[in-house]
N, C-alpha and C. Protein backbone atom coordinates (compact mmCIF):
# COMPACT_ATOMS: atom_id res chain seq x y z
N MET A 1 0.66 -1.25 -0.15
CA MET A 1 0.14 0.26 0.07
C MET A 1 0.91 1.22 -0.34
N ASP A 2 0.29 2.18 -1.23
CA ASP A 2 1.53 3.06 -1.19
C ASP A 2 1.07 4.64 -0.36
N LYS A 3 1.43 5.83 -0.40
CA LYS A 3 1.05 6.68 0.73
C LYS A 3 -0.22 7.10 0.01
N LYS A 4 -0.26 7.27 -0.91
CA LYS A 4 -1.86 7.69 -2.29
C LYS A 4 -2.80 6.75 -1.50
N GLU A 5 -2.90 5.73 -1.59
CA GLU A 5 -4.08 4.70 -0.62
C GLU A 5 -3.89 4.68 0.32
N LYS A 6 -2.94 5.28 1.65
CA LYS A 6 -3.17 5.38 2.58
C LYS A 6 -4.02 6.49 2.87
N LYS A 7 -3.45 7.84 2.22
CA LYS A 7 -3.90 9.06 2.30
C LYS A 7 -5.89 8.97 1.94
N ARG A 8 -5.93 8.09 1.05
CA ARG A 8 -7.22 7.77 0.38
C ARG A 8 -8.51 7.09 1.34
N ILE A 9 -7.44 6.11 1.82
CA ILE A 9 -8.21 5.15 2.98
C ILE A 9 -8.61 6.11 4.77
N GLU A 10 -7.35 7.01 4.80
CA GLU A 10 -7.62 8.23 5.38
C GLU A 10 -8.99 9.20 5.92
N VAL A 11 -8.66 9.65 4.69
CA VAL A 11 -10.04 10.38 3.80
C VAL A 11 -11.28 9.81 3.59
N LEU A 12 -11.16 8.56 3.19
CA LEU A 12 -12.69 7.93 3.63
C LEU A 12 -13.13 7.52 4.81
N GLN A 13 -12.12 7.22 5.79
CA GLN A 13 -12.40 7.11 6.85
C GLN A 13 -13.41 8.19 7.74
N GLN A 14 -12.98 9.57 7.51
CA GLN A 14 -13.17 10.87 7.83
C GLN A 14 -14.30 11.00 7.00
N LYS A 15 -14.89 10.87 5.67
CA LYS A 15 -15.82 10.85 5.24
C LYS A 15 -16.74 10.40 5.87
N ILE A 16 -16.66 8.80 6.00
CA ILE A 16 -17.90 7.90 6.82
C ILE A 16 -17.81 8.64 7.72
N ALA A 17 -17.46 8.99 8.75
CA ALA A 17 -17.58 9.57 9.93
C ALA A 17 -18.48 10.73 9.98
N LYS A 18 -18.37 11.50 9.28
CA LYS A 18 -19.11 12.63 8.87
C LYS A 18 -20.32 12.48 8.26
N LEU A 19 -20.47 11.44 7.45
CA LEU A 19 -21.83 11.41 7.00
C LEU A 19 -22.62 10.04 7.52
N GLN A 20 -21.80 9.49 9.03
CA GLN A 20 -22.85 8.73 10.26
C GLN A 20 -23.36 9.57 10.63
N GLN A 21 -22.75 10.82 11.30
CA GLN A 21 -23.24 11.94 11.87
C GLN A 21 -24.21 12.81 11.25
N GLN A 22 -24.31 12.66 9.90
CA GLN A 22 -25.60 13.27 9.64
C GLN A 22 -26.84 12.66 9.19
N LEU A 23 -26.23 11.26 9.04
CA LEU A 23 -27.71 10.59 8.96
C LEU A 23 -28.02 10.77 10.02
N ALA A 24 -27.33 10.31 11.42
CA ALA A 24 -27.97 10.22 12.56
C ALA A 24 -29.24 11.33 12.82
N GLY A 25 -28.40 12.92 12.57
CA GLY A 25 -29.11 13.98 12.77
C GLY A 25 -30.25 14.19 11.50
N ALA A 26 -29.91 13.38 10.32
CA ALA A 26 -31.50 13.26 9.35
C ALA A 26 -32.32 12.46 10.10
N LYS A 27 -31.92 11.52 10.41
CA LYS A 27 -33.47 10.81 11.12
C LYS A 27 -33.69 11.36 12.31
N LYS A 28 -33.10 12.11 13.50
CA LYS A 28 -33.58 12.41 14.55
C LYS A 28 -34.61 13.69 13.84
N GLN A 29 -34.62 14.64 12.60
CA GLN A 29 -35.24 15.27 12.39
C GLN A 29 -35.64 15.84 10.84
N PRO A 30 -36.29 14.23 9.98
CA PRO A 30 -36.37 14.78 8.92
C PRO A 30 -36.85 15.64 8.31
N ASP A 31 -35.93 16.54 7.82
CA ASP A 31 -36.63 17.71 7.23
C ASP A 31 -36.90 17.57 5.95
N ASP A 32 -35.88 16.44 5.32
CA ASP A 32 -36.06 16.76 4.01
C ASP A 32 -35.76 15.17 3.44
N PRO A 33 -37.38 14.65 3.07
CA PRO A 33 -37.49 13.21 3.18
C PRO A 33 -36.27 12.54 1.67
N ALA A 34 -35.48 13.06 0.93
CA ALA A 34 -34.85 12.64 0.00
C ALA A 34 -32.99 12.49 0.81
N GLU A 35 -33.16 13.44 1.71
CA GLU A 35 -32.08 13.39 2.15
C GLU A 35 -31.48 12.27 3.11
N ILE A 36 -32.11 11.14 3.89
CA ILE A 36 -31.77 10.28 4.47
C ILE A 36 -31.74 9.04 3.56
N PRO A 37 -32.10 8.96 2.09
CA PRO A 37 -31.89 7.95 1.30
C PRO A 37 -30.38 8.11 0.38
N ARG A 38 -29.71 9.74 0.42
CA ARG A 38 -28.86 10.02 0.04
C ARG A 38 -27.89 9.41 0.39
N LEU A 39 -27.75 10.23 1.68
CA LEU A 39 -27.07 9.59 2.81
C LEU A 39 -26.56 8.68 3.26
N GLU A 40 -27.36 7.64 3.07
CA GLU A 40 -27.23 6.03 3.00
C GLU A 40 -26.26 5.86 2.04
N LYS A 41 -26.84 6.63 0.57
CA LYS A 41 -26.18 5.69 -0.65
C LYS A 41 -24.88 6.19 -0.90
N ASP A 42 -24.25 7.73 -0.20
CA ASP A 42 -23.10 7.59 -0.03
C ASP A 42 -22.52 7.36 0.75
N LEU A 43 -22.76 6.73 1.66
CA LEU A 43 -22.93 5.92 3.18
C LEU A 43 -22.16 4.56 2.59
N ALA A 44 -22.81 3.98 1.94
CA ALA A 44 -22.75 2.40 1.25
C ALA A 44 -21.27 2.86 0.22
N ALA A 45 -21.45 3.82 -0.42
CA ALA A 45 -20.65 3.79 -1.57
C ALA A 45 -18.86 4.30 -0.78
N ALA A 46 -19.35 4.79 -0.13
CA ALA A 46 -17.74 5.45 0.45
C ALA A 46 -17.37 3.98 1.45
N HIS A 47 -17.77 3.14 2.06
CA HIS A 47 -17.95 1.92 2.49
C HIS A 47 -17.48 0.85 1.50
N ALA A 48 -18.11 0.83 0.40
CA ALA A 48 -17.38 -0.50 -0.95
C ALA A 48 -16.28 0.28 -1.23
N GLU A 49 -15.78 1.57 -1.31
CA GLU A 49 -14.53 2.06 -1.92
C GLU A 49 -13.48 1.44 -0.97
N LEU A 50 -13.92 1.99 0.53
CA LEU A 50 -12.68 1.39 1.72
C LEU A 50 -12.45 -0.25 1.57
N THR A 51 -13.66 -1.01 1.37
CA THR A 51 -13.21 -2.45 1.48
C THR A 51 -12.24 -2.76 0.23
N SER A 52 -12.56 -1.98 -1.09
CA SER A 52 -11.82 -2.73 -1.80
C SER A 52 -10.38 -1.67 -1.82
N LEU A 53 -10.16 -0.59 -1.57
CA LEU A 53 -9.17 -0.11 -1.46
C LEU A 53 -8.42 -0.93 -0.04
N LYS A 54 -9.16 -1.28 0.84
CA LYS A 54 -8.31 -2.21 1.97
C LYS A 54 -7.58 -3.63 1.28
N LYS A 55 -8.55 -4.18 0.65
CA LYS A 55 -8.17 -5.67 -0.34
C LYS A 55 -7.55 -5.46 -1.02
N GLY A 56 -7.06 -4.61 -1.68
CA GLY A 56 -5.60 -4.21 -2.30
C GLY A 56 -5.88 -4.42 -3.86
């Protein structure tokens, strides 16, 4: 794993944490009904990219 992949993994982990917080907030206060599925889709995509990077 080179430096670029390690940095990408770090960025993805930060993005996942941020998306999880946004999703939790959106579930508590559903202002926009389209926001929850969008956040879940973005979170799933970030998880998929992270696992593919870790597999190498």
